[in-house]
Amino acid sequence: MNQKLPKNISPSDLFKWIQKESVKPILIDVREDNELDIARFPEKNLHIPLSKFEIWCDTLHEHLSIEQPIVVLCHSGIRSWNFGAWLIEQNSRYDVWNLEGGIDGWSQEIDNSVPRY
């Protein structure tokens, strides 16, 4: 694939993608623990807080595949976009997407039971 930057995906498009029975993306939430205490993403995901980089950095590749798309999310879509760009630097064959608006956008567009902060 040799991707250069993460592709953006809207909350509604991600919701549709998750509902399909085809290849589901690996969801990665890069928010901090205290942010998850406020608002959890309602779908199964891999939680890797950016502040704990030294803990997960060496083993992250074990959870990822070039065969499965990756969607990263944070609060508003900025940290996740940067993380997605870093992932692509590690392996340009990853298919990386960034959730536009992050969990906040998800709350506004898809599921208003997810608290906003």
Protein backbone atom coordinates (compact mmCIF):
# COMPACT_ATOMS: atom_id res chain seq x y z
CA MET A 1 0.00 0.00 0.00
CA ASN A 2 2.84 2.44 0.88
CA GLN A 3 0.58 4.99 2.50
CA LYS A 4 2.12 8.37 3.41
CA LEU A 5 -0.48 9.84 5.81
CA PRO A 6 -3.58 8.61 7.65
CA LYS A 7 -6.86 8.81 5.76
CA ASN A 8 -9.76 10.51 7.53
CA ILE A 9 -13.02 8.71 8.21
CA SER A 10 -16.19 10.34 9.49
CA PRO A 11 -18.01 8.90 12.51
CA SER A 12 -20.96 7.88 10.29
CA ASP A 13 -18.70 6.09 7.80
CA LEU A 14 -16.88 4.29 10.62
CA PHE A 15 -20.21 3.28 12.15
CA LYS A 16 -21.32 1.79 8.81
CA TRP A 17 -17.98 0.01 8.42
CA ILE A 18 -18.19 -1.53 11.91
CA GLN A 19 -21.76 -2.73 11.22
CA LYS A 20 -20.71 -4.60 8.06
CA GLU A 21 -19.81 -8.24 8.23
CA SER A 22 -16.75 -7.77 6.04
CA VAL A 23 -13.24 -7.12 7.30
CA LYS A 24 -13.53 -5.01 10.43
CA PRO A 25 -10.81 -2.52 11.30
CA ILE A 26 -8.55 -2.74 14.30
CA LEU A 27 -9.65 0.17 16.49
CA ILE A 28 -6.93 1.90 18.51
CA ASP A 29 -7.80 4.44 21.20
CA VAL A 30 -4.78 6.58 22.13
CA ARG A 31 -6.50 8.58 24.87
CA GLU A 32 -5.32 8.55 28.47
CA ASP A 33 -6.84 6.39 31.21
CA ASN A 34 -8.65 9.32 32.80
CA GLU A 35 -10.30 10.13 29.46
CA LEU A 36 -11.65 6.58 29.23
CA ASP A 37 -13.11 7.05 32.71
CA ILE A 38 -15.17 9.91 31.25
CA ALA A 39 -16.13 8.48 27.87
CA ARG A 40 -15.41 4.99 26.55
CA PHE A 41 -15.58 4.18 22.88
CA PRO A 42 -18.48 1.71 22.62
CA GLU A 43 -16.74 -0.75 20.29
CA LYS A 44 -13.97 -3.21 21.12
CA ASN A 45 -10.61 -1.49 20.76
CA LEU A 46 -6.96 -1.62 21.64
CA HIS A 47 -6.20 1.03 24.27
CA ILE A 48 -2.67 2.37 23.99
CA PRO A 49 -2.32 5.70 25.81
CA LEU A 50 0.34 7.85 24.22
CA SER A 51 1.88 8.71 27.61
CA LYS A 52 2.77 5.03 28.09
CA PHE A 53 4.73 4.75 24.83
CA GLU A 54 7.67 3.00 26.50
CA ILE A 55 5.35 0.24 27.74
CA TRP A 56 3.67 -0.69 24.44
CA CYS A 57 6.14 0.50 21.79
CA ASP A 58 8.10 -2.74 21.46
CA THR A 59 5.06 -5.03 21.27
CA LEU A 60 2.51 -2.95 19.34
CA HIS A 61 3.36 -4.65 16.04
CA GLU A 62 2.16 -7.96 17.53
CA HIS A 63 -1.40 -6.56 17.62
CA LEU A 64 -1.41 -5.11 14.10
CA SER A 65 -1.54 -6.56 10.61
CA ILE A 66 -1.03 -5.21 7.13
CA GLU A 67 -4.03 -7.38 6.21
CA GLN A 68 -6.47 -5.50 8.46
CA PRO A 69 -7.21 -1.77 8.32
CA ILE A 70 -6.45 0.30 11.42
CA VAL A 71 -8.63 3.15 12.70
CA VAL A 72 -7.16 5.37 15.40
CA LEU A 73 -9.11 7.70 17.66
CA CYS A 74 -8.62 10.18 20.46
CA HIS A 75 -10.71 13.02 21.89
CA SER A 76 -10.87 15.27 18.83
CA GLY A 77 -8.81 13.55 16.13
CA ILE A 78 -5.49 15.38 16.49
CA ARG A 79 -3.44 13.01 18.66
CA SER A 80 -4.81 10.04 16.74
CA TRP A 81 -3.85 11.60 13.40
CA ASN A 82 -0.29 12.13 14.68
CA PHE A 83 -0.19 8.58 16.02
CA GLY A 84 -1.49 7.30 12.68
CA ALA A 85 1.29 9.17 10.87
CA TRP A 86 3.81 7.58 13.25
CA LEU A 87 2.33 4.12 12.55
CA ILE A 88 2.77 4.65 8.83
CA GLU A 89 6.40 5.70 9.44
CA GLN A 90 6.88 2.34 11.17
CA ASN A 91 5.34 0.41 8.28
CA SER A 92 3.99 2.15 5.19
CA ARG A 93 2.01 -1.00 4.34
CA TYR A 94 -0.42 -0.36 7.21
CA ASP A 95 -3.82 0.91 6.05
CA VAL A 96 -4.36 3.67 8.63
CA TRP A 97 -7.50 5.76 9.13
CA ASN A 98 -8.15 8.59 11.59
CA LEU A 99 -11.57 9.14 13.15
CA GLU A 100 -12.48 12.75 12.30
CA GLY A 101 -13.58 14.58 15.43
CA GLY A 102 -12.56 11.66 17.64
CA ILE A 103 -14.80 10.42 20.44
CA ASP A 104 -16.35 13.90 20.61
CA GLY A 105 -17.48 13.63 16.98
CA TRP A 106 -18.73 10.10 17.63
CA SER A 107 -20.81 11.40 20.55
CA GLN A 108 -22.30 14.21 18.47
CA GLU A 109 -22.95 12.24 15.30
CA ILE A 110 -23.55 8.60 16.31
CA ASP A 111 -24.16 8.03 20.02
CA ASN A 112 -25.08 10.91 22.29
CA SER A 113 -25.00 8.58 25.31
CA VAL A 114 -21.20 8.83 25.09
CA PRO A 115 -20.37 11.79 27.37
CA ARG A 116 -18.70 14.84 25.86
CA TYR A 117 -15.78 16.48 27.61
